[in-house]
């Protein structure tokens, strides 16, 4: 993950994470479109891939975040 993600305002970080949680919770990993996550987060797909190298890295980050919340 790119450390620039942590430099975003907290509201924008939350928006990206919530978009990921929503899309992955409604679809399987393979059927979760990154375009949909980016659109809901209000960022471009390219920017999402700037913060996270690929969909798998983003997914694993979400799982780690969810684990820390419990």
C-alpha atoms as a PDB file:
ATOM      1  CA  UNK A   1       0.000   0.000   0.000  1.00  0.00           C
ATOM      2  CA  UNK A   2       1.095   3.503  -0.764  1.00  0.00           C
ATOM      3  CA  UNK A   3       1.644   5.608   2.351  1.00  0.00           C
ATOM      4  CA  UNK A   4      -0.061   8.511   0.548  1.00  0.00           C
ATOM      5  CA  UNK A   5      -3.364   6.885   1.482  1.00  0.00           C
ATOM      6  CA  UNK A   6      -2.712   7.787   5.124  1.00  0.00           C
ATOM      7  CA  UNK A   7      -2.127  11.399   4.113  1.00  0.00           C
ATOM      8  CA  UNK A   8      -5.690  11.724   2.783  1.00  0.00           C
ATOM      9  CA  UNK A   9      -8.237  13.475   4.970  1.00  0.00           C
ATOM     10  CA  UNK A  10      -9.896  10.973   7.291  1.00  0.00           C
ATOM     11  CA  UNK A  11     -13.263  11.533   5.608  1.00  0.00           C
ATOM     12  CA  UNK A  12     -11.869  10.501   2.214  1.00  0.00           C
ATOM     13  CA  UNK A  13     -10.120   7.447   3.660  1.00  0.00           C
ATOM     14  CA  UNK A  14     -13.389   6.404   5.259  1.00  0.00           C
ATOM     15  CA  UNK A  15     -15.270   6.910   1.994  1.00  0.00           C
ATOM     16  CA  UNK A  16     -12.828   4.640   0.116  1.00  0.00           C
ATOM     17  CA  UNK A  17     -12.939   1.945   2.790  1.00  0.00           C
ATOM     18  CA  UNK A  18     -16.732   2.021   3.082  1.00  0.00           C
ATOM     19  CA  UNK A  19     -17.082   1.731  -0.699  1.00  0.00           C
ATOM     20  CA  UNK A  20     -14.823  -1.316  -0.629  1.00  0.00           C
ATOM     21  CA  UNK A  21     -16.694  -2.905   2.262  1.00  0.00           C
ATOM     22  CA  UNK A  22     -20.025  -2.391   0.501  1.00  0.00           C
ATOM     23  CA  UNK A  23     -18.990  -3.768  -2.881  1.00  0.00           C
ATOM     24  CA  UNK A  24     -17.115  -6.769  -1.486  1.00  0.00           C
ATOM     25  CA  UNK A  25     -19.972  -7.580   0.886  1.00  0.00           C
ATOM     26  CA  UNK A  26     -22.483  -7.718  -1.957  1.00  0.00           C
ATOM     27  CA  UNK A  27     -20.381  -9.721  -4.416  1.00  0.00           C
ATOM     28  CA  UNK A  28     -17.734 -12.395  -4.400  1.00  0.00           C
ATOM     29  CA  UNK A  29     -14.137 -11.210  -4.646  1.00  0.00           C
ATOM     30  CA  UNK A  30     -13.958 -12.023  -8.349  1.00  0.00           C
ATOM     31  CA  UNK A  31     -17.255 -10.336  -9.144  1.00  0.00           C
ATOM     32  CA  UNK A  32     -16.488  -7.135  -7.228  1.00  0.00           C
ATOM     33  CA  UNK A  33     -15.710  -4.481  -9.840  1.00  0.00           C
ATOM     34  CA  UNK A  34     -12.995  -2.012  -8.915  1.00  0.00           C
ATOM     35  CA  UNK A  35     -14.789   0.537 -11.102  1.00  0.00           C
ATOM     36  CA  UNK A  36     -17.807   0.350  -8.814  1.00  0.00           C
ATOM     37  CA  UNK A  37     -15.674   0.821  -5.698  1.00  0.00           C
ATOM     38  CA  UNK A  38     -13.942   3.848  -7.203  1.00  0.00           C
ATOM     39  CA  UNK A  39     -17.203   5.383  -8.411  1.00  0.00           C
ATOM     40  CA  UNK A  40     -18.849   5.048  -5.010  1.00  0.00           C
ATOM     41  CA  UNK A  41     -15.740   6.414  -3.279  1.00  0.00           C
ATOM     42  CA  UNK A  42     -15.720   9.426  -5.595  1.00  0.00           C
ATOM     43  CA  UNK A  43     -12.256   8.718  -6.976  1.00  0.00           C
ATOM     44  CA  UNK A  44     -10.908   7.312 -10.227  1.00  0.00           C
ATOM     45  CA  UNK A  45      -9.955   3.680 -10.646  1.00  0.00           C
ATOM     46  CA  UNK A  46      -6.398   4.848 -11.373  1.00  0.00           C
ATOM     47  CA  UNK A  47      -6.241   6.690  -8.073  1.00  0.00           C
ATOM     48  CA  UNK A  48      -7.469   3.614  -6.201  1.00  0.00           C
ATOM     49  CA  UNK A  49      -4.635   1.669  -7.844  1.00  0.00           C
ATOM     50  CA  UNK A  50      -2.233   4.443  -6.863  1.00  0.00           C
ATOM     51  CA  UNK A  51      -3.120   3.878  -3.208  1.00  0.00           C
ATOM     52  CA  UNK A  52      -3.324   0.068  -3.473  1.00  0.00           C
ATOM     53  CA  UNK A  53      -1.275  -1.864  -6.047  1.00  0.00           C
ATOM     54  CA  UNK A  54      -4.152  -4.122  -7.036  1.00  0.00           C
ATOM     55  CA  UNK A  55      -7.564  -5.391  -5.993  1.00  0.00           C
ATOM     56  CA  UNK A  56      -6.080  -8.149  -3.834  1.00  0.00           C
ATOM     57  CA  UNK A  57      -3.984  -5.709  -1.811  1.00  0.00           C
ATOM     58  CA  UNK A  58      -7.048  -3.497  -1.251  1.00  0.00           C
ATOM     59  CA  UNK A  59      -9.149  -6.512  -0.249  1.00  0.00           C
ATOM     60  CA  UNK A  60      -6.542  -7.723   2.235  1.00  0.00           C
ATOM     61  CA  UNK A  61      -6.266  -4.226   3.692  1.00  0.00           C
ATOM     62  CA  UNK A  62     -10.042  -4.179   4.192  1.00  0.00           C
ATOM     63  CA  UNK A  63      -9.944  -7.577   5.916  1.00  0.00           C
ATOM     64  CA  UNK A  64      -7.162  -6.386   8.240  1.00  0.00           C
ATOM     65  CA  UNK A  65      -9.120  -3.215   9.005  1.00  0.00           C
ATOM     66  CA  UNK A  66     -12.293  -5.193   9.741  1.00  0.00           C
ATOM     67  CA  UNK A  67     -10.356  -7.498  12.034  1.00  0.00           C
ATOM     68  CA  UNK A  68      -8.987  -4.547  13.981  1.00  0.00           C
ATOM     69  CA  UNK A  69     -12.492  -3.133  14.423  1.00  0.00           C
ATOM     70  CA  UNK A  70     -13.743  -6.256  16.198  1.00  0.00           C
END
